[in-house]
Amino acid sequence: MTKRRRFLLKFFILDFLILFGVWLIGLTLLAKMARELPSPEQFTTRQVNQSTKIYDKTGQVLLYEIHGDEKRTVVPFDHIP
């Protein structure tokens, strides 16, 4: 085997090992992230804290909106454009 062929063979083997290592690390990270994702069932049963709204006696005019750290109002999916 010539020096050039030996060099190319070592180069391709090293290249393959590096690419395989990068692929293996990426696959491991992807599996770790996928394991930490919440299950889809948690999204439908999730309880969201909402603001307290105080209306006038007609129920039409919003007088106060009391909230702690978060100001939220739940909107049904059919009202989202």
PDB file of N, CA and C in Angstrom:
ATOM      1  N   MET A   1       0.839  -1.169   0.000  1.00  0.00           N
ATOM      2  CA  MET A   1       0.000   0.000   0.000  1.00  0.00           C
ATOM      3  C   MET A   1       0.894   1.246   0.000  1.00  0.00           C
ATOM      4  N   THR A   2       0.567   2.190  -0.837  1.00  0.00           N
ATOM      5  CA  THR A   2       1.388   3.393  -0.922  1.00  0.00           C
ATOM      6  C   THR A   2       1.064   4.328   0.232  1.00  0.00           C
ATOM      7  N   LYS A   3       1.958   5.290   0.430  1.00  0.00           N
ATOM      8  CA  LYS A   3       1.765   6.252   1.511  1.00  0.00           C
ATOM      9  C   LYS A   3       0.494   7.068   1.302  1.00  0.00           C
ATOM     10  N   ARG A   4       0.246   7.404   0.054  1.00  0.00           N
ATOM     11  CA  ARG A   4      -0.928   8.223  -0.247  1.00  0.00           C
ATOM     12  C   ARG A   4      -2.216   7.462   0.062  1.00  0.00           C
ATOM     13  N   ARG A   5      -2.279   6.191  -0.335  1.00  0.00           N
ATOM     14  CA  ARG A   5      -3.480   5.393  -0.075  1.00  0.00           C
ATOM     15  C   ARG A   5      -3.675   5.200   1.433  1.00  0.00           C
ATOM     16  N   ARG A   6      -2.584   4.981   2.147  1.00  0.00           N
ATOM     17  CA  ARG A   6      -2.653   4.797   3.586  1.00  0.00           C
ATOM     18  C   ARG A   6      -3.150   6.090   4.252  1.00  0.00           C
ATOM     19  N   PHE A   7      -2.652   7.225   3.770  1.00  0.00           N
ATOM     20  CA  PHE A   7      -3.082   8.521   4.301  1.00  0.00           C
ATOM     21  C   PHE A   7      -4.569   8.738   4.046  1.00  0.00           C
ATOM     22  N   LEU A   8      -5.016   8.459   2.826  1.00  0.00           N
ATOM     23  CA  LEU A   8      -6.436   8.644   2.497  1.00  0.00           C
ATOM     24  C   LEU A   8      -7.325   7.708   3.312  1.00  0.00           C
ATOM     25  N   LEU A   9      -6.878   6.472   3.497  1.00  0.00           N
ATOM     26  CA  LEU A   9      -7.647   5.520   4.290  1.00  0.00           C
ATOM     27  C   LEU A   9      -7.769   5.998   5.735  1.00  0.00           C
ATOM     28  N   LYS A  10      -6.680   6.465   6.326  1.00  0.00           N
ATOM     29  CA  LYS A  10      -6.718   6.988   7.690  1.00  0.00           C
ATOM     30  C   LYS A  10      -7.604   8.231   7.767  1.00  0.00           C
ATOM     31  N   PHE A  11      -7.512   9.076   6.741  1.00  0.00           N
ATOM     32  CA  PHE A  11      -8.319  10.290   6.701  1.00  0.00           C
ATOM     33  C   PHE A  11      -9.805   9.948   6.670  1.00  0.00           C
ATOM     34  N   PHE A  12     -10.216   9.006   5.825  1.00  0.00           N
ATOM     35  CA  PHE A  12     -11.627   8.637   5.721  1.00  0.00           C
ATOM     36  C   PHE A  12     -12.123   7.935   6.977  1.00  0.00           C
ATOM     37  N   ILE A  13     -11.295   7.112   7.587  1.00  0.00           N
ATOM     38  CA  ILE A  13     -11.694   6.448   8.829  1.00  0.00           C
ATOM     39  C   ILE A  13     -11.873   7.480   9.936  1.00  0.00           C
ATOM     40  N   LEU A  14     -10.939   8.409  10.053  1.00  0.00           N
ATOM     41  CA  LEU A  14     -11.041   9.451  11.058  1.00  0.00           C
ATOM     42  C   LEU A  14     -12.265  10.326  10.803  1.00  0.00           C
ATOM     43  N   ASP A  15     -12.490  10.670   9.555  1.00  0.00           N
ATOM     44  CA  ASP A  15     -13.652  11.461   9.176  1.00  0.00           C
ATOM     45  C   ASP A  15     -14.943  10.746   9.564  1.00  0.00           C
ATOM     46  N   PHE A  16     -15.010   9.458   9.267  1.00  0.00           N
ATOM     47  CA  PHE A  16     -16.184   8.671   9.599  1.00  0.00           C
ATOM     48  C   PHE A  16     -16.410   8.625  11.107  1.00  0.00           C
ATOM     49  N   LEU A  17     -15.344   8.416  11.884  1.00  0.00           N
ATOM     50  CA  LEU A  17     -15.478   8.354  13.335  1.00  0.00           C
ATOM     51  C   LEU A  17     -15.951   9.682  13.919  1.00  0.00           C
ATOM     52  N   ILE A  18     -15.440  10.782  13.394  1.00  0.00           N
ATOM     53  CA  ILE A  18     -15.867  12.104  13.875  1.00  0.00           C
ATOM     54  C   ILE A  18     -17.335  12.333  13.551  1.00  0.00           C
ATOM     55  N   LEU A  19     -17.747  12.051  12.317  1.00  0.00           N
ATOM     56  CA  LEU A  19     -19.156  12.232  11.946  1.00  0.00           C
ATOM     57  C   LEU A  19     -20.069  11.312  12.746  1.00  0.00           C
ATOM     58  N   PHE A  20     -19.643  10.083  12.977  1.00  0.00           N
ATOM     59  CA  PHE A  20     -20.446   9.159  13.769  1.00  0.00           C
ATOM     60  C   PHE A  20     -20.580   9.663  15.208  1.00  0.00           C
ATOM     61  N   GLY A  21     -19.507  10.211  15.765  1.00  0.00           N
ATOM     62  CA  GLY A  21     -19.543  10.758  17.122  1.00  0.00           C
ATOM     63  C   GLY A  21     -20.488  11.943  17.226  1.00  0.00           C
ATOM     64  N   VAL A  22     -20.429  12.842  16.248  1.00  0.00           N
ATOM     65  CA  VAL A  22     -21.328  13.998  16.239  1.00  0.00           C
ATOM     66  C   VAL A  22     -22.777  13.534  16.108  1.00  0.00           C
ATOM     67  N   TRP A  23     -23.021  12.563  15.243  1.00  0.00           N
ATOM     68  CA  TRP A  23     -24.367  12.024  15.062  1.00  0.00           C
ATOM     69  C   TRP A  23     -24.867  11.375  16.348  1.00  0.00           C
ATOM     70  N   LEU A  24     -24.014  10.635  17.027  1.00  0.00           N
ATOM     71  CA  LEU A  24     -24.390   9.965  18.269  1.00  0.00           C
ATOM     72  C   LEU A  24     -24.694  10.974  19.375  1.00  0.00           C
ATOM     73  N   ILE A  25     -23.892  12.005  19.478  1.00  0.00           N
ATOM     74  CA  ILE A  25     -24.144  13.051  20.476  1.00  0.00           C
ATOM     75  C   ILE A  25     -25.457  13.760  20.170  1.00  0.00           C
ATOM     76  N   GLY A  26     -25.713  14.084  18.914  1.00  0.00           N
ATOM     77  CA  GLY A  26     -26.967  14.730  18.526  1.00  0.00           C
ATOM     78  C   GLY A  26     -28.175  13.857  18.823  1.00  0.00           C
ATOM     79  N   LEU A  27     -28.066  12.574  18.539  1.00  0.00           N
ATOM     80  CA  LEU A  27     -29.163  11.651  18.809  1.00  0.00           C
ATOM     81  C   LEU A  27     -29.428  11.537  20.307  1.00  0.00           C
ATOM     82  N   THR A  28     -28.369  11.523  21.099  1.00  0.00           N
ATOM     83  CA  THR A  28     -28.517  11.462  22.552  1.00  0.00           C
ATOM     84  C   THR A  28     -29.199  12.718  23.083  1.00  0.00           C
ATOM     85  N   LEU A  29     -28.782  13.882  22.603  1.00  0.00           N
ATOM     86  CA  LEU A  29     -29.406  15.139  23.041  1.00  0.00           C
ATOM     87  C   LEU A  29     -30.870  15.202  22.624  1.00  0.00           C
ATOM     88  N   LEU A  30     -31.182  14.748  21.430  1.00  0.00           N
ATOM     89  CA  LEU A  30     -32.560  14.737  20.953  1.00  0.00           C
ATOM     90  C   LEU A  30     -33.430  13.819  21.810  1.00  0.00           C
ATOM     91  N   ALA A  31     -32.916  12.656  22.166  1.00  0.00           N
ATOM     92  CA  ALA A  31     -33.664  11.724  23.012  1.00  0.00           C
ATOM     93  C   ALA A  31     -33.886  12.319  24.403  1.00  0.00           C
ATOM     94  N   LYS A  32     -32.875  13.005  24.935  1.00  0.00           N
ATOM     95  CA  LYS A  32     -33.002  13.628  26.258  1.00  0.00           C
ATOM     96  C   LYS A  32     -34.054  14.734  26.232  1.00  0.00           C
ATOM     97  N   MET A  33     -34.059  15.563  25.183  1.00  0.00           N
ATOM     98  CA  MET A  33     -35.050  16.636  25.086  1.00  0.00           C
ATOM     99  C   MET A  33     -36.451  16.072  24.890  1.00  0.00           C
ATOM    100  N   ALA A  34     -36.585  15.015  24.110  1.00  0.00           N
ATOM    101  CA  ALA A  34     -37.902  14.427  23.871  1.00  0.00           C
ATOM    102  C   ALA A  34     -38.476  13.820  25.144  1.00  0.00           C
ATOM    103  N   ARG A  35     -37.627  13.297  26.000  1.00  0.00           N
ATOM    104  CA  ARG A  35     -38.088  12.712  27.255  1.00  0.00           C
ATOM    105  C   ARG A  35     -38.620  13.776  28.202  1.00  0.00           C
ATOM    106  N   GLU A  36     -38.100  14.988  28.130  1.00  0.00           N
ATOM    107  CA  GLU A  36     -38.496  16.063  29.037  1.00  0.00           C
ATOM    108  C   GLU A  36     -39.735  16.822  28.569  1.00  0.00           C
ATOM    109  N   LEU A  37     -40.247  16.534  27.380  1.00  0.00           N
ATOM    110  CA  LEU A  37     -41.441  17.205  26.888  1.00  0.00           C
ATOM    111  C   LEU A  37     -42.664  16.753  27.676  1.00  0.00           C
ATOM    112  N   PRO A  38     -43.622  17.660  27.908  1.00  0.00           N
ATOM    113  CA  PRO A  38     -44.845  17.248  28.608  1.00  0.00           C
ATOM    114  C   PRO A  38     -45.730  16.404  27.692  1.00  0.00           C
ATOM    115  N   SER A  39     -46.550  15.574  28.299  1.00  0.00           N
ATOM    116  CA  SER A  39     -47.455  14.751  27.499  1.00  0.00           C
ATOM    117  C   SER A  39     -48.590  15.619  26.966  1.00  0.00           C
ATOM    118  N   PRO A  40     -49.166  15.273  25.817  1.00  0.00           N
ATOM    119  CA  PRO A  40     -50.258  16.072  25.255  1.00  0.00           C
ATOM    120  C   PRO A  40     -51.480  16.145  26.163  1.00  0.00           C
ATOM    121  N   GLU A  41     -51.699  15.142  27.004  1.00  0.00           N
ATOM    122  CA  GLU A  41     -52.848  15.151  27.908  1.00  0.00           C
ATOM    123  C   GLU A  41     -52.749  16.281  28.924  1.00  0.00           C
ATOM    124  N   GLN A  42     -51.540  16.692  29.264  1.00  0.00           N
ATOM    125  CA  GLN A  42     -51.365  17.763  30.243  1.00  0.00           C
ATOM    126  C   GLN A  42     -51.875  19.100  29.716  1.00  0.00           C
ATOM    127  N   PHE A  43     -51.885  19.293  28.415  1.00  0.00           N
ATOM    128  CA  PHE A  43     -52.349  20.566  27.861  1.00  0.00           C
ATOM    129  C   PHE A  43     -53.858  20.719  27.978  1.00  0.00           C
ATOM    130  N   THR A  44     -54.601  19.636  27.870  1.00  0.00           N
ATOM    131  CA  THR A  44     -56.067  19.723  27.940  1.00  0.00           C
ATOM    132  C   THR A  44     -56.566  19.787  29.373  1.00  0.00           C
ATOM    133  N   THR A  45     -55.815  19.265  30.337  1.00  0.00           N
ATOM    134  CA  THR A  45     -56.251  19.266  31.737  1.00  0.00           C
ATOM    135  C   THR A  45     -55.589  20.360  32.552  1.00  0.00           C
ATOM    136  N   ARG A  46     -54.848  21.237  31.920  1.00  0.00           N
ATOM    137  CA  ARG A  46     -54.096  22.279  32.621  1.00  0.00           C
ATOM    138  C   ARG A  46     -55.034  23.337  33.192  1.00  0.00           C
ATOM    139  N   GLN A  47     -54.822  23.714  34.431  1.00  0.00           N
ATOM    140  CA  GLN A  47     -55.579  24.780  35.079  1.00  0.00           C
ATOM    141  C   GLN A  47     -54.767  26.072  34.982  1.00  0.00           C
ATOM    142  N   VAL A  48     -55.367  27.105  34.394  1.00  0.00           N
ATOM    143  CA  VAL A  48     -54.678  28.381  34.192  1.00  0.00           C
ATOM    144  C   VAL A  48     -55.246  29.405  35.165  1.00  0.00           C
ATOM    145  N   ASN A  49     -54.380  30.081  35.904  1.00  0.00           N
ATOM    146  CA  ASN A  49     -54.835  31.155  36.796  1.00  0.00           C
ATOM    147  C   ASN A  49     -55.325  32.321  35.954  1.00  0.00           C
ATOM    148  N   GLN A  50     -56.468  32.867  36.349  1.00  0.00           N
ATOM    149  CA  GLN A  50     -57.047  33.977  35.603  1.00  0.00           C
ATOM    150  C   GLN A  50     -57.175  35.199  36.512  1.00  0.00           C
ATOM    151  N   SER A  51     -57.349  36.347  35.889  1.00  0.00           N
ATOM    152  CA  SER A  51     -57.590  37.577  36.628  1.00  0.00           C
ATOM    153  C   SER A  51     -59.039  37.587  37.112  1.00  0.00           C
ATOM    154  N   THR A  52     -59.270  38.281  38.233  1.00  0.00           N
ATOM    155  CA  THR A  52     -60.635  38.475  38.724  1.00  0.00           C
ATOM    156  C   THR A  52     -61.156  39.762  38.117  1.00  0.00           C
ATOM    157  N   LYS A  53     -62.325  39.677  37.482  1.00  0.00           N
ATOM    158  CA  LYS A  53     -62.911  40.848  36.833  1.00  0.00           C
ATOM    159  C   LYS A  53     -64.147  41.275  37.608  1.00  0.00           C
ATOM    160  N   ILE A  54     -64.223  42.546  37.925  1.00  0.00           N
ATOM    161  CA  ILE A  54     -65.368  43.096  38.644  1.00  0.00           C
ATOM    162  C   ILE A  54     -66.081  44.053  37.695  1.00  0.00           C
ATOM    163  N   TYR A  55     -67.359  43.737  37.421  1.00  0.00           N
ATOM    164  CA  TYR A  55     -68.176  44.533  36.506  1.00  0.00           C
ATOM    165  C   TYR A  55     -69.169  45.387  37.289  1.00  0.00           C
ATOM    166  N   ASP A  56     -69.758  46.361  36.610  1.00  0.00           N
ATOM    167  CA  ASP A  56     -70.817  47.145  37.234  1.00  0.00           C
ATOM    168  C   ASP A  56     -72.086  46.290  37.328  1.00  0.00           C
ATOM    169  N   LYS A  57     -73.169  46.864  37.856  1.00  0.00           N
ATOM    170  CA  LYS A  57     -74.377  46.075  38.093  1.00  0.00           C
ATOM    171  C   LYS A  57     -75.043  45.596  36.813  1.00  0.00           C
ATOM    172  N   THR A  58     -74.738  46.238  35.666  1.00  0.00           N
ATOM    173  CA  THR A  58     -75.320  45.771  34.398  1.00  0.00           C
ATOM    174  C   THR A  58     -74.537  44.600  33.823  1.00  0.00           C
ATOM    175  N   GLY A  59     -73.326  44.417  34.292  1.00  0.00           N
ATOM    176  CA  GLY A  59     -72.483  43.336  33.783  1.00  0.00           C
ATOM    177  C   GLY A  59     -71.822  43.657  32.458  1.00  0.00           C
ATOM    178  N   GLN A  60     -71.899  44.896  32.013  1.00  0.00           N
ATOM    179  CA  GLN A  60     -71.336  45.298  30.738  1.00  0.00           C
ATOM    180  C   GLN A  60     -70.024  46.059  30.858  1.00  0.00           C
ATOM    181  N   VAL A  61     -69.878  46.864  31.923  1.00  0.00           N
ATOM    182  CA  VAL A  61     -68.709  47.732  32.069  1.00  0.00           C
ATOM    183  C   VAL A  61     -67.748  47.109  33.076  1.00  0.00           C
ATOM    184  N   LEU A  62     -66.518  46.920  32.649  1.00  0.00           N
ATOM    185  CA  LEU A  62     -65.490  46.366  33.519  1.00  0.00           C
ATOM    186  C   LEU A  62     -64.955  47.480  34.410  1.00  0.00           C
ATOM    187  N   LEU A  63     -65.121  47.316  35.722  1.00  0.00           N
ATOM    188  CA  LEU A  63     -64.659  48.330  36.657  1.00  0.00           C
ATOM    189  C   LEU A  63     -63.225  48.065  37.113  1.00  0.00           C
ATOM    190  N   TYR A  64     -62.961  46.848  37.534  1.00  0.00           N
ATOM    191  CA  TYR A  64     -61.642  46.501  38.038  1.00  0.00           C
ATOM    192  C   TYR A  64     -61.221  45.140  37.496  1.00  0.00           C
ATOM    193  N   GLU A  65     -59.920  44.978  37.368  1.00  0.00           N
ATOM    194  CA  GLU A  65     -59.369  43.671  37.038  1.00  0.00           C
ATOM    195  C   GLU A  65     -58.230  43.417  38.026  1.00  0.00           C
ATOM    196  N   ILE A  66     -58.435  42.435  38.888  1.00  0.00           N
ATOM    197  CA  ILE A  66     -57.481  42.150  39.954  1.00  0.00           C
ATOM    198  C   ILE A  66     -56.646  40.949  39.530  1.00  0.00           C
ATOM    199  N   HIS A  67     -55.334  41.101  39.593  1.00  0.00           N
ATOM    200  CA  HIS A  67     -54.441  40.014  39.214  1.00  0.00           C
ATOM    201  C   HIS A  67     -53.202  40.064  40.081  1.00  0.00           C
ATOM    202  N   GLY A  68     -52.554  38.931  40.233  1.00  0.00           N
ATOM    203  CA  GLY A  68     -51.301  38.860  40.995  1.00  0.00           C
ATOM    204  C   GLY A  68     -50.134  39.141  40.073  1.00  0.00           C
ATOM    205  N   ASP A  69     -49.312  38.142  39.859  1.00  0.00           N
ATOM    206  CA  ASP A  69     -48.146  38.294  38.992  1.00  0.00           C
ATOM    207  C   ASP A  69     -48.510  38.206  37.515  1.00  0.00           C
ATOM    208  N   GLU A  70     -49.629  37.571  37.222  1.00  0.00           N
ATOM    209  CA  GLU A  70     -50.001  37.330  35.828  1.00  0.00           C
ATOM    210  C   GLU A  70     -51.402  37.857  35.549  1.00  0.00           C
ATOM    211  N   LYS A  71     -51.553  38.526  34.441  1.00  0.00           N
ATOM    212  CA  LYS A  71     -52.853  39.044  34.021  1.00  0.00           C
ATOM    213  C   LYS A  71     -53.306  38.201  32.836  1.00  0.00           C
ATOM    214  N   ARG A  72     -54.241  37.272  33.111  1.00  0.00           N
ATOM    215  CA  ARG A  72     -54.658  36.337  32.068  1.00  0.00           C
ATOM    216  C   ARG A  72     -56.168  36.283  31.956  1.00  0.00           C
ATOM    217  N   THR A  73     -56.605  36.045  30.728  1.00  0.00           N
ATOM    218  CA  THR A  73     -58.010  35.783  30.438  1.00  0.00           C
ATOM    219  C   THR A  73     -58.057  34.610  29.480  1.00  0.00           C
ATOM    220  N   VAL A  74     -58.800  33.571  29.839  1.00  0.00           N
ATOM    221  CA  VAL A  74     -58.920  32.404  28.976  1.00  0.00           C
ATOM    222  C   VAL A  74     -59.840  32.742  27.822  1.00  0.00           C
ATOM    223  N   VAL A  75     -59.400  32.439  26.609  1.00  0.00           N
ATOM    224  CA  VAL A  75     -60.170  32.695  25.409  1.00  0.00           C
ATOM    225  C   VAL A  75     -60.442  31.348  24.733  1.00  0.00           C
ATOM    226  N   PRO A  76     -61.701  31.035  24.409  1.00  0.00           N
ATOM    227  CA  PRO A  76     -61.983  29.757  23.721  1.00  0.00           C
ATOM    228  C   PRO A  76     -61.309  29.717  22.353  1.00  0.00           C
ATOM    229  N   PHE A  77     -61.000  28.499  21.898  1.00  0.00           N
ATOM    230  CA  PHE A  77     -60.305  28.339  20.621  1.00  0.00           C
ATOM    231  C   PHE A  77     -61.092  28.929  19.455  1.00  0.00           C
ATOM    232  N   ASP A  78     -62.419  28.864  19.490  1.00  0.00           N
ATOM    233  CA  ASP A  78     -63.196  29.379  18.361  1.00  0.00           C
ATOM    234  C   ASP A  78     -63.225  30.905  18.306  1.00  0.00           C
ATOM    235  N   HIS A  79     -62.743  31.590  19.349  1.00  0.00           N
ATOM    236  CA  HIS A  79     -62.641  33.049  19.327  1.00  0.00           C
ATOM    237  C   HIS A  79     -61.267  33.558  18.933  1.00  0.00           C
ATOM    238  N   ILE A  80     -60.326  32.640  18.710  1.00  0.00           N
ATOM    239  CA  ILE A  80     -58.978  33.025  18.307  1.00  0.00           C
ATOM    240  C   ILE A  80     -58.943  33.098  16.777  1.00  0.00           C
ATOM    241  N   PRO A  81     -58.507  34.233  16.209  1.00  0.00           N
ATOM    242  CA  PRO A  81     -58.497  34.338  14.744  1.00  0.00           C
ATOM    243  C   PRO A  81     -57.495  33.399  14.103  1.00  0.00           C
TER     244      PRO A  81
END
